[in-house]
Amino acid sequence: MVVSFLGTKGGTGTTTLAVNCAAEIRRVTGMPTVVVDLKPGTGDVGLFLGVRSKFTLLDLLDQLEWLEPDTVPGLLTRHDCGVDVLPGAPDYGRPSTADAPAVEQAIDALRRTYDYVVVDAGSALSPCSAAALHVSDEVHLVANPDVPCLRNLQRLRDLVRLAGVP
């Protein structure tokens, strides 16, 4: 199952929800769970979990074509709670529009290895986040109870639908 979180703007708690959702799923089910930081630029999933990883999402995207599915977990770092972590890029610029097809393939590869894939899709509907939403079983739009967030929530919901996400 793939569960994605997309925020209406920065600071709404998308990363907090994704990280805690992954940890709780792992705790309750005991099933293999991974949390993926899909935000363009430096993401915060690794920071929130206090995990320093040798590899990032970009490593998976760049090596996906020749990686065997059973070697994918070797690119991830395990948190003490049992959740595997695939942190975001170490710098800005990627994942970019050109990475969208690889993002979809990467999530499919993770789905074959993990029972639960939790995606922090950030706070902008980019081609990469749209690719993640397309392969998600659940999409959660995250907003705070303030006027800008609620206005953005309506707009984001419409954009997600226009992107073809059910």
C-alpha atoms as a PDB file:
ATOM      1  CA  MET A   1       0.000   0.000   0.000  1.00  0.00           C
ATOM      2  CA  VAL A   2       1.295   3.453  -0.925  1.00  0.00           C
ATOM      3  CA  VAL A   3       0.175   6.391   1.225  1.00  0.00           C
ATOM      4  CA  SER A   4       1.154   9.904   0.114  1.00  0.00           C
ATOM      5  CA  PHE A   5       0.964  13.211   1.951  1.00  0.00           C
ATOM      6  CA  LEU A   6       0.854  16.503   0.015  1.00  0.00           C
ATOM      7  CA  GLY A   7       0.722  19.830   1.841  1.00  0.00           C
ATOM      8  CA  THR A   8      -1.087  22.994   0.850  1.00  0.00           C
ATOM      9  CA  LYS A   9       1.967  25.087   1.740  1.00  0.00           C
ATOM     10  CA  GLY A  10       5.221  24.720   3.634  1.00  0.00           C
ATOM     11  CA  GLY A  11       4.909  24.330   7.377  1.00  0.00           C
ATOM     12  CA  THR A  12       1.589  22.476   7.417  1.00  0.00           C
ATOM     13  CA  GLY A  13       3.049  19.318   8.951  1.00  0.00           C
ATOM     14  CA  THR A  14       3.307  17.082   5.903  1.00  0.00           C
ATOM     15  CA  THR A  15       6.660  15.648   6.964  1.00  0.00           C
ATOM     16  CA  THR A  16       5.501  15.205  10.558  1.00  0.00           C
ATOM     17  CA  LEU A  17       2.434  13.291   9.400  1.00  0.00           C
ATOM     18  CA  ALA A  18       4.368  11.123   6.925  1.00  0.00           C
ATOM     19  CA  VAL A  19       7.074  10.179   9.443  1.00  0.00           C
ATOM     20  CA  ASN A  20       4.631   9.462  12.269  1.00  0.00           C
ATOM     21  CA  CYS A  21       2.276   7.564   9.959  1.00  0.00           C
ATOM     22  CA  ALA A  22       5.120   5.313   8.815  1.00  0.00           C
ATOM     23  CA  ALA A  23       6.295   4.696  12.389  1.00  0.00           C
ATOM     24  CA  GLU A  24       2.769   3.923  13.586  1.00  0.00           C
ATOM     25  CA  ILE A  25       2.040   1.603  10.656  1.00  0.00           C
ATOM     26  CA  ARG A  26       5.245  -0.285  11.434  1.00  0.00           C
ATOM     27  CA  ARG A  27       4.420  -0.433  15.156  1.00  0.00           C
ATOM     28  CA  VAL A  28       0.839  -1.630  14.682  1.00  0.00           C
ATOM     29  CA  THR A  29       1.320  -4.045  11.783  1.00  0.00           C
ATOM     30  CA  GLY A  30       4.933  -5.130  12.208  1.00  0.00           C
ATOM     31  CA  MET A  31       5.077  -5.188   8.402  1.00  0.00           C
ATOM     32  CA  PRO A  32       7.995  -3.842   6.324  1.00  0.00           C
ATOM     33  CA  THR A  33       7.516  -0.076   5.968  1.00  0.00           C
ATOM     34  CA  VAL A  34       9.502   2.627   4.206  1.00  0.00           C
ATOM     35  CA  VAL A  35       9.154   6.405   4.284  1.00  0.00           C
ATOM     36  CA  VAL A  36      10.282   8.313   1.190  1.00  0.00           C
ATOM     37  CA  ASP A  37      11.202  12.003   1.073  1.00  0.00           C
ATOM     38  CA  LEU A  38      10.112  13.226  -2.342  1.00  0.00           C
ATOM     39  CA  LYS A  39      10.478  16.950  -1.755  1.00  0.00           C
ATOM     40  CA  PRO A  40      12.637  18.687  -4.335  1.00  0.00           C
ATOM     41  CA  GLY A  41      15.798  19.900  -2.709  1.00  0.00           C
ATOM     42  CA  THR A  42      16.828  19.076   0.797  1.00  0.00           C
ATOM     43  CA  GLY A  43      14.039  17.167   2.462  1.00  0.00           C
ATOM     44  CA  ASP A  44      13.467  16.750   6.172  1.00  0.00           C
ATOM     45  CA  VAL A  45      12.444  13.109   6.672  1.00  0.00           C
ATOM     46  CA  GLY A  46      15.981  12.041   7.596  1.00  0.00           C
ATOM     47  CA  LEU A  47      16.340  15.044   9.884  1.00  0.00           C
ATOM     48  CA  PHE A  48      13.032  14.346  11.648  1.00  0.00           C
ATOM     49  CA  LEU A  49      14.107  10.760  12.319  1.00  0.00           C
ATOM     50  CA  GLY A  50      17.701  11.643  13.183  1.00  0.00           C
ATOM     51  CA  VAL A  51      18.945   9.362  10.420  1.00  0.00           C
ATOM     52  CA  ARG A  52      22.113   9.951   8.430  1.00  0.00           C
ATOM     53  CA  SER A  53      21.936   7.944   5.259  1.00  0.00           C
ATOM     54  CA  LYS A  54      24.670   7.103   2.814  1.00  0.00           C
ATOM     55  CA  PHE A  55      22.158   7.038  -0.055  1.00  0.00           C
ATOM     56  CA  THR A  56      19.232   9.277  -1.038  1.00  0.00           C
ATOM     57  CA  LEU A  57      16.241   9.186  -3.322  1.00  0.00           C
ATOM     58  CA  LEU A  58      18.476  10.417  -6.135  1.00  0.00           C
ATOM     59  CA  ASP A  59      20.712   7.369  -5.800  1.00  0.00           C
ATOM     60  CA  LEU A  60      17.689   5.121  -6.225  1.00  0.00           C
ATOM     61  CA  LEU A  61      16.402   7.124  -9.194  1.00  0.00           C
ATOM     62  CA  ASP A  62      19.798   7.112 -10.903  1.00  0.00           C
ATOM     63  CA  GLN A  63      20.463   3.398 -10.344  1.00  0.00           C
ATOM     64  CA  LEU A  64      16.950   2.073 -10.784  1.00  0.00           C
ATOM     65  CA  GLU A  65      17.418   0.719 -14.305  1.00  0.00           C
ATOM     66  CA  TRP A  66      20.125  -1.746 -13.338  1.00  0.00           C
ATOM     67  CA  LEU A  67      19.284  -2.487  -9.690  1.00  0.00           C
ATOM     68  CA  GLU A  68      17.815  -5.852  -8.794  1.00  0.00           C
ATOM     69  CA  PRO A  69      14.613  -5.394  -6.758  1.00  0.00           C
ATOM     70  CA  ASP A  70      16.016  -7.323  -3.789  1.00  0.00           C
ATOM     71  CA  THR A  71      18.983  -4.916  -3.543  1.00  0.00           C
ATOM     72  CA  VAL A  72      16.812  -1.797  -3.134  1.00  0.00           C
ATOM     73  CA  PRO A  73      16.648  -2.086   0.690  1.00  0.00           C
ATOM     74  CA  GLY A  74      20.455  -1.864   0.718  1.00  0.00           C
ATOM     75  CA  LEU A  75      20.127   1.801  -0.283  1.00  0.00           C
ATOM     76  CA  LEU A  76      17.953   2.602   2.722  1.00  0.00           C
ATOM     77  CA  THR A  77      18.725   3.272   6.351  1.00  0.00           C
ATOM     78  CA  ARG A  78      16.721   1.640   9.127  1.00  0.00           C
ATOM     79  CA  HIS A  79      15.467   3.776  11.999  1.00  0.00           C
ATOM     80  CA  ASP A  80      15.311   2.262  15.495  1.00  0.00           C
ATOM     81  CA  CYS A  81      11.513   1.980  15.205  1.00  0.00           C
ATOM     82  CA  GLY A  82      11.943  -0.429  12.277  1.00  0.00           C
ATOM     83  CA  VAL A  83      11.008   1.969   9.472  1.00  0.00           C
ATOM     84  CA  ASP A  84      13.368   2.136   6.521  1.00  0.00           C
ATOM     85  CA  VAL A  85      14.161   5.674   5.390  1.00  0.00           C
ATOM     86  CA  LEU A  86      14.874   6.981   1.902  1.00  0.00           C
ATOM     87  CA  PRO A  87      15.843  10.608   2.497  1.00  0.00           C
ATOM     88  CA  GLY A  88      15.546  13.412  -0.025  1.00  0.00           C
ATOM     89  CA  ALA A  89      18.206  14.965  -2.177  1.00  0.00           C
ATOM     90  CA  PRO A  90      21.256  16.500  -0.509  1.00  0.00           C
ATOM     91  CA  ASP A  91      20.835  19.729  -2.494  1.00  0.00           C
ATOM     92  CA  TYR A  92      18.373  21.632  -4.654  1.00  0.00           C
ATOM     93  CA  GLY A  93      17.406  20.984  -8.254  1.00  0.00           C
ATOM     94  CA  ARG A  94      16.305  17.368  -8.104  1.00  0.00           C
ATOM     95  CA  PRO A  95      14.117  15.475  -8.305  1.00  0.00           C
ATOM     96  CA  SER A  96      13.072  17.467 -11.345  1.00  0.00           C
ATOM     97  CA  THR A  97      10.491  17.160 -14.095  1.00  0.00           C
ATOM     98  CA  ALA A  98      12.770  14.740 -15.960  1.00  0.00           C
ATOM     99  CA  ASP A  99      12.749  12.413 -12.924  1.00  0.00           C
ATOM    100  CA  ALA A 100       8.952  11.928 -12.840  1.00  0.00           C
ATOM    101  CA  PRO A 101       8.898   8.598 -14.729  1.00  0.00           C
ATOM    102  CA  ALA A 102      11.706   7.266 -12.519  1.00  0.00           C
ATOM    103  CA  VAL A 103       9.795   8.352  -9.393  1.00  0.00           C
ATOM    104  CA  GLU A 104       6.849   6.229 -10.439  1.00  0.00           C
ATOM    105  CA  GLN A 105       9.157   3.273 -11.169  1.00  0.00           C
ATOM    106  CA  ALA A 106      10.971   3.738  -7.844  1.00  0.00           C
ATOM    107  CA  ILE A 107       7.733   3.693  -5.866  1.00  0.00           C
ATOM    108  CA  ASP A 108       6.637   0.579  -7.762  1.00  0.00           C
ATOM    109  CA  ALA A 109       9.984  -1.059  -6.917  1.00  0.00           C
ATOM    110  CA  LEU A 110       9.549  -0.137  -3.248  1.00  0.00           C
ATOM    111  CA  ARG A 111       5.993  -1.482  -3.311  1.00  0.00           C
ATOM    112  CA  ARG A 112       7.354  -4.889  -4.384  1.00  0.00           C
ATOM    113  CA  THR A 113       9.679  -4.961  -1.361  1.00  0.00           C
ATOM    114  CA  TYR A 114       7.634  -3.213   1.333  1.00  0.00           C
ATOM    115  CA  ASP A 115       4.064  -3.755   2.471  1.00  0.00           C
ATOM    116  CA  TYR A 116       3.755  -0.034   3.200  1.00  0.00           C
ATOM    117  CA  VAL A 117       5.342   2.876   1.334  1.00  0.00           C
ATOM    118  CA  VAL A 118       4.723   6.293   2.890  1.00  0.00           C
ATOM    119  CA  VAL A 119       5.592   9.307   0.736  1.00  0.00           C
ATOM    120  CA  ASP A 120       6.244  12.857   1.895  1.00  0.00           C
ATOM    121  CA  ALA A 121       5.384  14.604  -1.381  1.00  0.00           C
ATOM    122  CA  GLY A 122       6.108  18.094  -0.065  1.00  0.00           C
ATOM    123  CA  SER A 123       3.937  21.130  -0.599  1.00  0.00           C
ATOM    124  CA  ALA A 124       3.821  21.616  -4.357  1.00  0.00           C
ATOM    125  CA  LEU A 125       2.204  19.593  -7.105  1.00  0.00           C
ATOM    126  CA  SER A 126       5.224  18.952  -9.307  1.00  0.00           C
ATOM    127  CA  PRO A 127       5.514  16.300 -12.013  1.00  0.00           C
ATOM    128  CA  CYS A 128       7.350  14.101  -9.477  1.00  0.00           C
ATOM    129  CA  SER A 129       4.753  14.476  -6.738  1.00  0.00           C
ATOM    130  CA  ALA A 130       1.984  13.903  -9.326  1.00  0.00           C
ATOM    131  CA  ALA A 131       3.766  10.683 -10.382  1.00  0.00           C
ATOM    132  CA  ALA A 132       3.792   9.544  -6.749  1.00  0.00           C
ATOM    133  CA  LEU A 133       0.126  10.409  -6.305  1.00  0.00           C
ATOM    134  CA  HIS A 134      -0.771   8.409  -9.436  1.00  0.00           C
ATOM    135  CA  VAL A 135       0.607   5.203  -7.928  1.00  0.00           C
ATOM    136  CA  SER A 136      -0.717   5.887  -4.419  1.00  0.00           C
ATOM    137  CA  ASP A 137      -3.526   3.924  -2.830  1.00  0.00           C
ATOM    138  CA  GLU A 138      -4.275   6.835  -0.500  1.00  0.00           C
ATOM    139  CA  VAL A 139      -3.581  10.549  -0.923  1.00  0.00           C
ATOM    140  CA  HIS A 140      -3.851  12.875   2.047  1.00  0.00           C
ATOM    141  CA  LEU A 141      -3.930  16.619   1.431  1.00  0.00           C
ATOM    142  CA  VAL A 142      -2.577  18.421   4.485  1.00  0.00           C
ATOM    143  CA  ALA A 143      -3.756  21.879   5.551  1.00  0.00           C
ATOM    144  CA  ASN A 144      -3.809  24.058   8.630  1.00  0.00           C
ATOM    145  CA  PRO A 145      -7.056  25.741   9.694  1.00  0.00           C
ATOM    146  CA  ASP A 146      -6.156  29.172   8.330  1.00  0.00           C
ATOM    147  CA  VAL A 147      -7.389  31.139   5.336  1.00  0.00           C
ATOM    148  CA  PRO A 148      -4.300  30.703   3.086  1.00  0.00           C
ATOM    149  CA  CYS A 149      -4.188  26.950   3.684  1.00  0.00           C
ATOM    150  CA  LEU A 150      -7.895  26.466   3.123  1.00  0.00           C
ATOM    151  CA  ARG A 151      -7.787  28.536  -0.076  1.00  0.00           C
ATOM    152  CA  ASN A 152      -4.777  26.535  -1.249  1.00  0.00           C
ATOM    153  CA  LEU A 153      -6.534  23.291  -0.296  1.00  0.00           C
ATOM    154  CA  GLN A 154      -9.331  24.001  -2.766  1.00  0.00           C
ATOM    155  CA  ARG A 155      -6.826  24.891  -5.482  1.00  0.00           C
ATOM    156  CA  LEU A 156      -4.626  21.891  -4.765  1.00  0.00           C
ATOM    157  CA  ARG A 157      -7.591  19.519  -4.803  1.00  0.00           C
ATOM    158  CA  ASP A 158      -8.551  20.842  -8.240  1.00  0.00           C
ATOM    159  CA  LEU A 159      -4.958  20.578  -9.514  1.00  0.00           C
ATOM    160  CA  VAL A 160      -4.677  17.010  -8.258  1.00  0.00           C
ATOM    161  CA  ARG A 161      -7.863  16.107 -10.118  1.00  0.00           C
ATOM    162  CA  LEU A 162      -6.638  17.888 -13.281  1.00  0.00           C
ATOM    163  CA  ALA A 163      -3.419  15.842 -13.028  1.00  0.00           C
ATOM    164  CA  GLY A 164      -5.593  12.740 -13.349  1.00  0.00           C
ATOM    165  CA  VAL A 165      -5.227  11.515  -9.790  1.00  0.00           C
ATOM    166  CA  PRO A 166      -8.449   9.801  -8.671  1.00  0.00           C
END
